[in-house]
Structure formats: structure tokens, C-alpha cells
Amino acid sequence: MRHDKAAMVIDLARGMAASAEGLTINEMASQMGVGRRTAERMRDAVLMLFPQAEEISDPPTKRWRIRGGLSSFEQAPTATEMLELTKAAAGLHASGEPSRAAVLQGLERKIKAAMRSTTLNRMAPDLEALVRAETIAVQAGPRPGADEAVLATIRGAILAEQPLHFIYARPGAEARTRTVTPCGLMFGRANYLVAHVPDADRVQTFRLDRMSSVGTGEGMARPPADFDLSAFATQSFGIYQDQIEDVVLKIAPEAADEARGWRWHPTQTLENQDDGSVLVRFRASGMRELAWHLFSWSGQAQIIQPERLKDVMAEELEKARATIAG
């Protein structure tokens, strides 16, 4: 039976895993029924797929083997995968989330500790080069922060289905003691607890940096049976949850290509217009955050509807004008 290239590479990997002393290039070529040059290319493919494969010096030649079978080696991380983990931790550090960054760094150390030294040594140069070649652009914005003890308390309450109580202080308002049913956490420009408020019988968000004296209460507290955190998060253009609106924006022809490649909202639809512009439609709440975003389009986004978004944009424009008054 004639094997395709992928199947032949897997067959060679099985042969390397089945050999205690490893295979030479000539032995690979003989087993696979191919020439030496083809065997070398197949060996290189196996080394890429199974980075923990070992090279053994056996003068006057070399051997390659995969110890411990294929199943464990199929789970070995690649340099690219480790790079993304390193970048994710660095991104959390840069955005003011040291405790969450520390969790990822701990995971990275555990993964490296579980890897064979030969694999780690082979990966290290590539990983170091990639880390130097890639970075994260830090954007201006709030540093959300997340107190590790607060996160642990919230997560514990969610798992145990216990009520959560805390003191909540908003700017310009008197601090209040709240008792809620925790439903989940949302991380972004600011970090939020999503919770069901029994007194109001609705789900709302609370900024973590405005919460203090966080603790769990007695009894059971289960989220509403029909609550879905992902669905709740996608209702809004950003984080703030308010009245859901049907939004229609008209993007000018000169910015239409960029708008087509933009992720506005999970419910978005795009309609090309005869004049080269594009209509963007979606259904969401969070008109204030949407208004803030529209400033970044430099007048190339026209609000068609809703009227409330126009009103909010007008309010924000007045506030912006006040910054240059006088």
C-alpha cells in the first residue's frame, strides 16, 4: 500500500519509538523504503512534530529515538506554544494584573519542569529568539488590577454556590453593603464581578476595584437557571449593561475596507452601499462605550440609529469640548 507523506512520517515516528537504541538515517531509509535524502527530510519532520525526540551519538554515525512511546510526546509543547504562554503572562503584567500573571508563570515553570532536559535544551534557543522578536503593545487605559484574595474568595463562592457580601463604593455615591449571588467574572479594561441581585431580581456588574470587605455568607446561592455568562457578556458593546438597542452605523467609503475587517459585535452584519460606504448593524447595550469607540473613527462613522446613541455622543462631545474651553 502506498502511504502519503503524513502517514509515512507517523510510521517513522512509531519506528523511532519502538527502537530502544534508536535508528540511523540508513536504517530509517531501509524501513521506509526511501532514499537517504528523503529519510533525512522525514526525520526532520518527526523532530518538528515530536520535539522530545533524542539524538544519540553512536560513532561513526548518529541515532534518533523517542523514549516512552508516542502518547506522552504528542503532548510536548512547541516553542510557539510556550511563546504564547510567556506573552500572555507578560501582557497581564503590563496591564496591571501581577497576580494573574503569576499564575501563568507558575504554569510555565511546571510545564518546563515536566519536560525532558534534552527537549528543553533544544527548545530554549528558539524560544529565546521568539521572545526577543515579539512584544505586546501596551495601550493607554485603566490598570484594572485584581486582588488575589478577592479573586480567590469570589471563585470559592462560585464553586460552593454561596452568597457573596461586600461593601461597594462608586464615585459620588455612598458606600453600600451588598449581598449577591455570584455568577462569574469578566476581565477587560476593568475587571467585574457578574452577580444576580436578589432585591432587584436582575443580573448586574460590580467593579472589583470598588469592592472591599469581600466575604461569603451562609446558605446556598445559585445563579438563575437560564443565566449564561457568555451570552450576558455579548449583549453589550463593552462591559456596561443597559438597554439593548438596534445599532446602525454608516462607515465612509475611505474607511469601508477597515470596517469590513473590524469585529464590531458578535451579532454584526455588514451591507455594502452603492457609494462605496458600508452599513454596520448589530444589537447591543453599552451606548456610552460605543460612543467612546466611535471617536477613534475620526468622523468616518455616522450614527444612523438609535437616537439614544446620538444623544450620548452629543453629551460626550460637550464633555470633550470642555477640555479645551478657554
Protein backbone atom coordinates (compact mmCIF):
# COMPACT_ATOMS: atom_id res chain seq x y z
CA MET A 1 0.00 0.00 0.00
CA ARG A 2 1.31 3.38 -0.93
CA HIS A 3 1.40 5.79 2.04
CA ASP A 4 1.07 9.53 1.73
CA LYS A 5 3.79 11.70 3.26
CA ALA A 6 1.97 12.36 6.53
CA ALA A 7 1.35 8.66 7.14
CA MET A 8 5.00 7.87 6.38
CA VAL A 9 6.19 10.43 8.92
CA ILE A 10 3.93 8.90 11.59
CA ASP A 11 5.20 5.41 10.66
CA LEU A 12 8.78 6.61 11.07
CA ALA A 13 7.94 8.14 14.46
CA ARG A 14 6.48 4.80 15.54
CA GLY A 15 9.66 3.07 14.43
CA MET A 16 11.80 5.53 16.41
CA ALA A 17 9.60 4.99 19.47
CA ALA A 18 9.78 1.18 19.11
CA SER A 19 13.59 1.12 18.95
CA ALA A 20 15.46 1.10 22.28
CA GLU A 21 18.79 2.10 20.72
CA GLY A 22 17.33 4.43 18.08
CA LEU A 23 17.53 4.45 14.28
CA THR A 24 20.27 5.68 11.96
CA ILE A 25 19.43 7.51 8.76
CA ASN A 26 20.27 4.39 6.75
CA GLU A 27 18.00 2.27 8.95
CA MET A 28 15.20 4.82 8.52
CA ALA A 29 15.63 4.71 4.75
CA SER A 30 15.58 0.91 4.77
CA GLN A 31 12.49 0.63 6.96
CA MET A 32 10.54 3.22 4.98
CA GLY A 33 11.74 2.07 1.56
CA VAL A 34 13.02 5.53 0.57
CA GLY A 35 16.32 7.16 -0.30
CA ARG A 36 18.69 8.70 2.23
CA ARG A 37 17.75 12.31 1.34
CA THR A 38 14.05 11.51 1.75
CA ALA A 39 14.76 9.78 5.07
CA GLU A 40 16.59 12.89 6.29
CA ARG A 41 13.59 15.08 5.42
CA MET A 42 11.25 12.65 7.16
CA ARG A 43 13.49 12.62 10.24
CA ASP A 44 13.39 16.43 10.34
CA ALA A 45 9.57 16.30 10.17
CA VAL A 46 9.48 13.85 13.08
CA LEU A 47 11.77 16.10 15.14
CA MET A 48 9.44 19.04 14.47
CA LEU A 49 6.32 17.07 15.47
CA PHE A 50 7.96 15.32 18.45
CA PRO A 51 10.38 17.86 19.95
CA GLN A 52 11.44 15.46 22.73
CA ALA A 53 12.99 13.02 20.27
CA GLU A 54 16.60 12.36 21.23
CA GLU A 55 19.73 12.42 19.10
CA ILE A 56 22.25 9.80 20.24
CA SER A 57 25.89 9.81 19.24
CA ASP A 58 26.98 6.33 18.07
CA PRO A 59 30.31 6.82 16.26
CA PRO A 60 30.80 6.82 13.39
CA THR A 61 27.10 7.65 12.98
CA LYS A 62 24.12 9.08 14.88
CA ARG A 63 20.84 7.59 16.01
CA TRP A 64 17.46 9.09 16.86
CA ARG A 65 14.83 7.65 19.17
CA ILE A 66 11.64 8.56 21.00
CA ARG A 67 11.65 7.12 24.51
CA GLY A 68 8.45 6.39 26.41
CA GLY A 69 6.19 5.88 23.40
CA LEU A 70 4.36 8.43 21.31
CA SER A 71 1.43 9.34 23.55
CA SER A 72 3.44 11.43 26.03
CA PHE A 73 5.45 13.09 23.28
CA GLU A 74 2.35 14.14 21.38
CA GLN A 75 1.61 16.39 24.37
CA ALA A 76 5.03 18.06 24.43
CA PRO A 77 4.69 21.83 23.94
CA THR A 78 6.30 23.56 21.00
CA ALA A 79 8.38 26.73 21.16
CA THR A 80 5.47 28.67 19.67
CA GLU A 81 3.04 27.38 22.30
CA MET A 82 5.46 28.29 25.10
CA LEU A 83 5.95 31.70 23.49
CA GLU A 84 2.21 32.44 23.62
CA LEU A 85 2.11 31.43 27.29
CA THR A 86 5.06 33.73 28.04
CA LYS A 87 3.43 36.60 26.12
CA ALA A 88 0.12 36.09 27.91
CA ALA A 89 1.86 36.41 31.29
CA ALA A 90 3.77 39.48 30.10
CA GLY A 91 0.55 41.04 28.82
CA LEU A 92 -1.14 40.60 32.18
CA HIS A 93 1.86 42.15 33.94
CA ALA A 94 1.82 45.12 31.55
CA SER A 95 -1.90 45.69 32.09
CA GLY A 96 -1.55 45.74 35.87
CA GLU A 97 -2.53 42.14 36.67
CA PRO A 98 0.51 40.74 38.55
CA SER A 99 -1.42 38.07 40.45
CA ARG A 100 -2.98 36.60 37.29
CA ALA A 101 0.39 36.86 35.53
CA ALA A 102 1.98 34.91 38.38
CA VAL A 103 -0.50 32.06 37.83
CA LEU A 104 0.58 31.72 34.19
CA GLN A 105 4.25 31.97 35.11
CA GLY A 106 3.71 29.18 37.64
CA LEU A 107 2.10 27.06 34.91
CA GLU A 108 5.06 27.77 32.62
CA ARG A 109 7.50 26.59 35.29
CA LYS A 110 5.51 23.39 35.85
CA ILE A 111 5.47 22.61 32.12
CA LYS A 112 9.21 23.17 31.80
CA ALA A 113 9.89 21.09 34.91
CA ALA A 114 7.95 18.19 33.38
CA MET A 115 9.89 18.32 30.12
CA ARG A 116 12.99 16.26 29.46
CA SER A 117 16.21 18.25 29.66
CA THR A 118 17.12 17.34 26.07
CA THR A 119 13.82 18.72 24.80
CA LEU A 120 14.09 21.85 26.91
CA ASN A 121 17.65 22.46 25.73
CA ARG A 122 16.60 22.03 22.11
CA MET A 123 13.67 24.41 22.52
CA ALA A 124 15.48 27.10 24.54
CA PRO A 125 17.31 28.88 21.68
CA ASP A 126 14.16 29.10 19.53
CA LEU A 127 12.04 30.26 22.43
CA GLU A 128 14.60 32.91 23.44
CA ALA A 129 14.78 34.21 19.87
CA LEU A 130 10.99 34.39 19.54
CA VAL A 131 10.60 36.17 22.88
CA ARG A 132 13.08 38.81 21.74
CA ALA A 133 11.31 39.16 18.38
CA GLU A 134 7.76 39.64 19.69
CA THR A 135 6.26 42.01 22.22
CA ILE A 136 2.91 43.41 23.32
CA ALA A 137 1.89 46.98 22.57
CA VAL A 138 0.58 48.45 25.80
CA GLN A 139 -2.40 50.71 25.18
CA ALA A 140 -3.46 53.62 27.34
CA GLY A 141 -6.31 52.81 29.67
CA PRO A 142 -7.17 51.91 33.24
CA ARG A 143 -4.97 49.48 35.11
CA PRO A 144 -7.72 47.10 36.28
CA GLY A 145 -5.85 45.12 38.91
CA ALA A 146 -7.31 42.14 40.69
CA ASP A 147 -6.60 41.42 44.35
CA GLU A 148 -5.63 37.77 44.60
CA ALA A 149 -7.53 37.28 47.87
CA VAL A 150 -10.68 38.84 46.40
CA LEU A 151 -10.49 36.63 43.30
CA ALA A 152 -9.98 33.53 45.48
CA THR A 153 -13.00 34.43 47.62
CA ILE A 154 -15.23 35.04 44.58
CA ARG A 155 -14.13 31.83 42.87
CA GLY A 156 -14.67 29.88 46.08
CA ALA A 157 -18.20 31.29 46.41
CA ILE A 158 -18.99 30.39 42.80
CA LEU A 159 -17.80 26.79 43.25
CA ALA A 160 -19.56 26.36 46.61
CA GLU A 161 -22.71 28.20 45.42
CA GLN A 162 -22.58 30.54 48.39
CA PRO A 163 -23.81 34.13 48.62
CA LEU A 164 -21.19 36.87 48.46
CA HIS A 165 -21.26 40.02 50.56
CA PHE A 166 -19.09 43.13 50.21
CA ILE A 167 -19.02 46.90 50.55
CA TYR A 168 -19.39 48.64 47.20
CA ALA A 169 -18.29 52.26 46.71
CA ARG A 170 -18.95 54.16 43.48
CA PRO A 171 -17.63 57.69 42.84
CA GLY A 172 -20.15 60.27 44.03
CA ALA A 173 -22.31 57.71 45.82
CA GLU A 174 -22.47 56.48 49.39
CA ALA A 175 -20.83 53.09 50.01
CA ARG A 176 -23.35 50.27 50.42
CA THR A 177 -23.18 46.73 51.74
CA ARG A 178 -24.33 44.31 49.05
CA THR A 179 -25.26 40.64 49.23
CA VAL A 180 -25.44 38.91 45.86
CA THR A 181 -25.33 35.59 44.08
CA PRO A 182 -22.01 35.39 42.19
CA CYS A 183 -22.44 34.26 38.58
CA GLY A 184 -18.95 34.82 37.13
CA LEU A 185 -16.07 37.17 36.39
CA MET A 186 -15.35 39.34 33.35
CA PHE A 187 -11.84 40.62 32.67
CA GLY A 188 -11.07 43.57 30.41
CA ARG A 189 -10.19 47.24 30.67
CA ALA A 190 -11.62 46.85 34.16
CA ASN A 191 -12.44 43.63 35.99
CA TYR A 192 -16.00 42.88 37.02
CA LEU A 193 -17.99 40.52 39.18
CA VAL A 194 -21.19 39.45 37.43
CA ALA A 195 -23.84 38.75 40.04
CA HIS A 196 -27.56 38.28 40.49
CA VAL A 197 -29.02 40.85 42.89
CA PRO A 198 -31.96 39.22 44.70
CA ASP A 199 -33.56 42.51 45.80
CA ALA A 200 -33.75 43.81 42.22
CA ASP A 201 -34.11 40.34 40.65
CA ARG A 202 -31.60 41.15 37.92
CA VAL A 203 -28.02 40.41 36.94
CA GLN A 204 -25.56 43.29 37.06
CA THR A 205 -21.83 44.01 37.19
CA PHE A 206 -19.62 45.27 40.03
CA ARG A 207 -16.09 46.56 39.51
CA LEU A 208 -13.63 44.58 41.60
CA ASP A 209 -11.53 47.62 42.49
CA ARG A 210 -14.60 49.22 44.10
CA MET A 211 -15.32 46.21 46.31
CA SER A 212 -13.98 45.84 49.85
CA SER A 213 -14.56 43.54 52.84
CA VAL A 214 -15.42 40.71 50.47
CA GLY A 215 -16.62 37.52 52.12
CA THR A 216 -19.00 34.60 51.76
CA GLY A 217 -22.32 34.16 53.52
CA GLU A 218 -24.32 31.23 54.83
CA GLY A 219 -26.72 29.14 52.80
CA MET A 220 -26.97 28.40 49.09
CA ALA A 221 -26.92 30.94 46.28
CA ARG A 222 -27.34 29.59 42.76
CA PRO A 223 -27.36 31.75 39.61
CA PRO A 224 -30.66 31.88 37.69
CA ALA A 225 -31.21 28.62 35.84
CA ASP A 226 -31.27 30.33 32.44
CA PHE A 227 -28.21 32.52 33.03
CA ASP A 228 -25.33 32.19 30.56
CA LEU A 229 -22.22 34.27 31.21
CA SER A 230 -21.06 34.28 27.58
CA ALA A 231 -24.48 35.38 26.36
CA PHE A 232 -24.60 38.08 29.03
CA ALA A 233 -21.17 39.41 28.02
CA THR A 234 -22.02 39.58 24.32
CA GLN A 235 -25.13 41.68 24.94
CA SER A 236 -23.02 44.77 25.48
CA PHE A 237 -20.65 46.62 23.16
CA GLY A 238 -18.24 46.71 26.11
CA ILE A 239 -18.81 45.91 29.76
CA TYR A 240 -21.61 48.24 30.79
CA GLN A 241 -25.05 46.66 30.60
CA ASP A 242 -28.07 48.85 29.93
CA GLN A 243 -30.96 48.95 27.45
CA ILE A 244 -30.35 46.83 24.36
CA GLU A 245 -30.53 48.82 21.12
CA ASP A 246 -30.56 48.11 17.38
CA VAL A 247 -27.45 49.94 16.19
CA VAL A 248 -26.86 51.08 12.59
CA LEU A 249 -23.65 52.87 11.64
CA LYS A 250 -22.59 54.14 8.21
CA ILE A 251 -18.87 53.98 7.56
CA ALA A 252 -17.49 56.34 4.90
CA PRO A 253 -16.08 54.84 1.66
CA GLU A 254 -12.48 55.68 2.56
CA ALA A 255 -12.77 53.62 5.78
CA ALA A 256 -15.05 50.89 4.44
CA ASP A 257 -12.31 48.30 3.93
CA GLU A 258 -11.14 48.73 7.52
CA ALA A 259 -14.73 48.47 8.79
CA ARG A 260 -15.24 45.18 6.93
CA GLY A 261 -12.26 43.72 8.73
CA TRP A 262 -13.35 45.09 12.11
CA ARG A 263 -15.02 42.97 14.78
CA TRP A 264 -17.79 45.29 15.96
CA HIS A 265 -20.03 42.84 17.80
CA PRO A 266 -20.92 39.12 17.67
CA THR A 267 -24.33 39.99 16.14
CA GLN A 268 -22.94 42.27 13.41
CA THR A 269 -23.96 42.28 9.76
CA LEU A 270 -22.37 44.37 7.01
CA GLU A 271 -24.13 45.85 3.96
CA ASN A 272 -22.15 47.37 1.09
CA GLN A 273 -23.64 50.56 -0.31
CA ASP A 274 -23.60 51.90 -3.87
CA ASP A 275 -21.48 54.91 -2.86
CA GLY A 276 -18.72 52.63 -1.50
CA SER A 277 -19.70 53.05 2.13
CA VAL A 278 -20.79 50.17 4.37
CA LEU A 279 -23.65 49.86 6.87
CA VAL A 280 -22.79 48.09 10.12
CA ARG A 281 -25.72 46.64 12.04
CA PHE A 282 -25.73 44.91 15.42
CA ARG A 283 -27.85 44.65 18.56
CA ALA A 284 -26.21 45.59 21.84
CA SER A 285 -26.27 47.64 25.01
CA GLY A 286 -23.46 49.89 26.27
CA MET A 287 -24.06 53.03 24.21
CA ARG A 288 -21.57 55.12 26.16
CA GLU A 289 -18.70 52.73 25.46
CA LEU A 290 -19.76 52.60 21.82
CA ALA A 291 -19.71 56.40 21.67
CA TRP A 292 -16.18 56.40 23.10
CA HIS A 293 -15.14 53.92 20.43
CA LEU A 294 -16.64 55.98 17.61
CA PHE A 295 -14.28 58.85 18.45
CA SER A 296 -11.45 56.64 17.15
CA TRP A 297 -13.01 56.65 13.65
CA SER A 298 -12.23 60.37 13.19
CA GLY A 299 -15.61 61.34 11.77
CA GLN A 300 -15.76 58.44 9.31
CA ALA A 301 -18.56 56.70 11.23
CA GLN A 302 -22.05 58.23 11.04
CA ILE A 303 -24.72 57.19 13.55
CA ILE A 304 -27.94 56.24 11.77
CA GLN A 305 -29.64 54.78 14.83
CA PRO A 306 -30.55 54.63 17.67
CA GLU A 307 -31.41 58.12 18.83
CA ARG A 308 -30.09 57.33 22.28
CA LEU A 309 -26.63 56.73 20.86
CA LYS A 310 -26.81 60.11 19.13
CA ASP A 311 -27.76 61.73 22.45
CA VAL A 312 -24.93 60.01 24.29
CA MET A 313 -22.46 61.03 21.58
CA ALA A 314 -23.64 64.64 21.85
CA GLU A 315 -23.09 64.55 25.62
CA GLU A 316 -19.59 63.15 25.16
CA LEU A 317 -18.79 65.81 22.56
CA GLU A 318 -19.79 68.52 25.01
CA LYS A 319 -17.54 67.00 27.64
CA ALA A 320 -14.71 66.84 25.10
CA ARG A 321 -15.19 70.49 24.17
CA ALA A 322 -14.97 71.41 27.85
CA THR A 323 -11.42 70.06 27.96
CA ILE A 324 -10.25 72.77 25.50
CA ALA A 325 -12.50 75.60 26.68
CA GLY A 326 -10.78 78.88 27.44
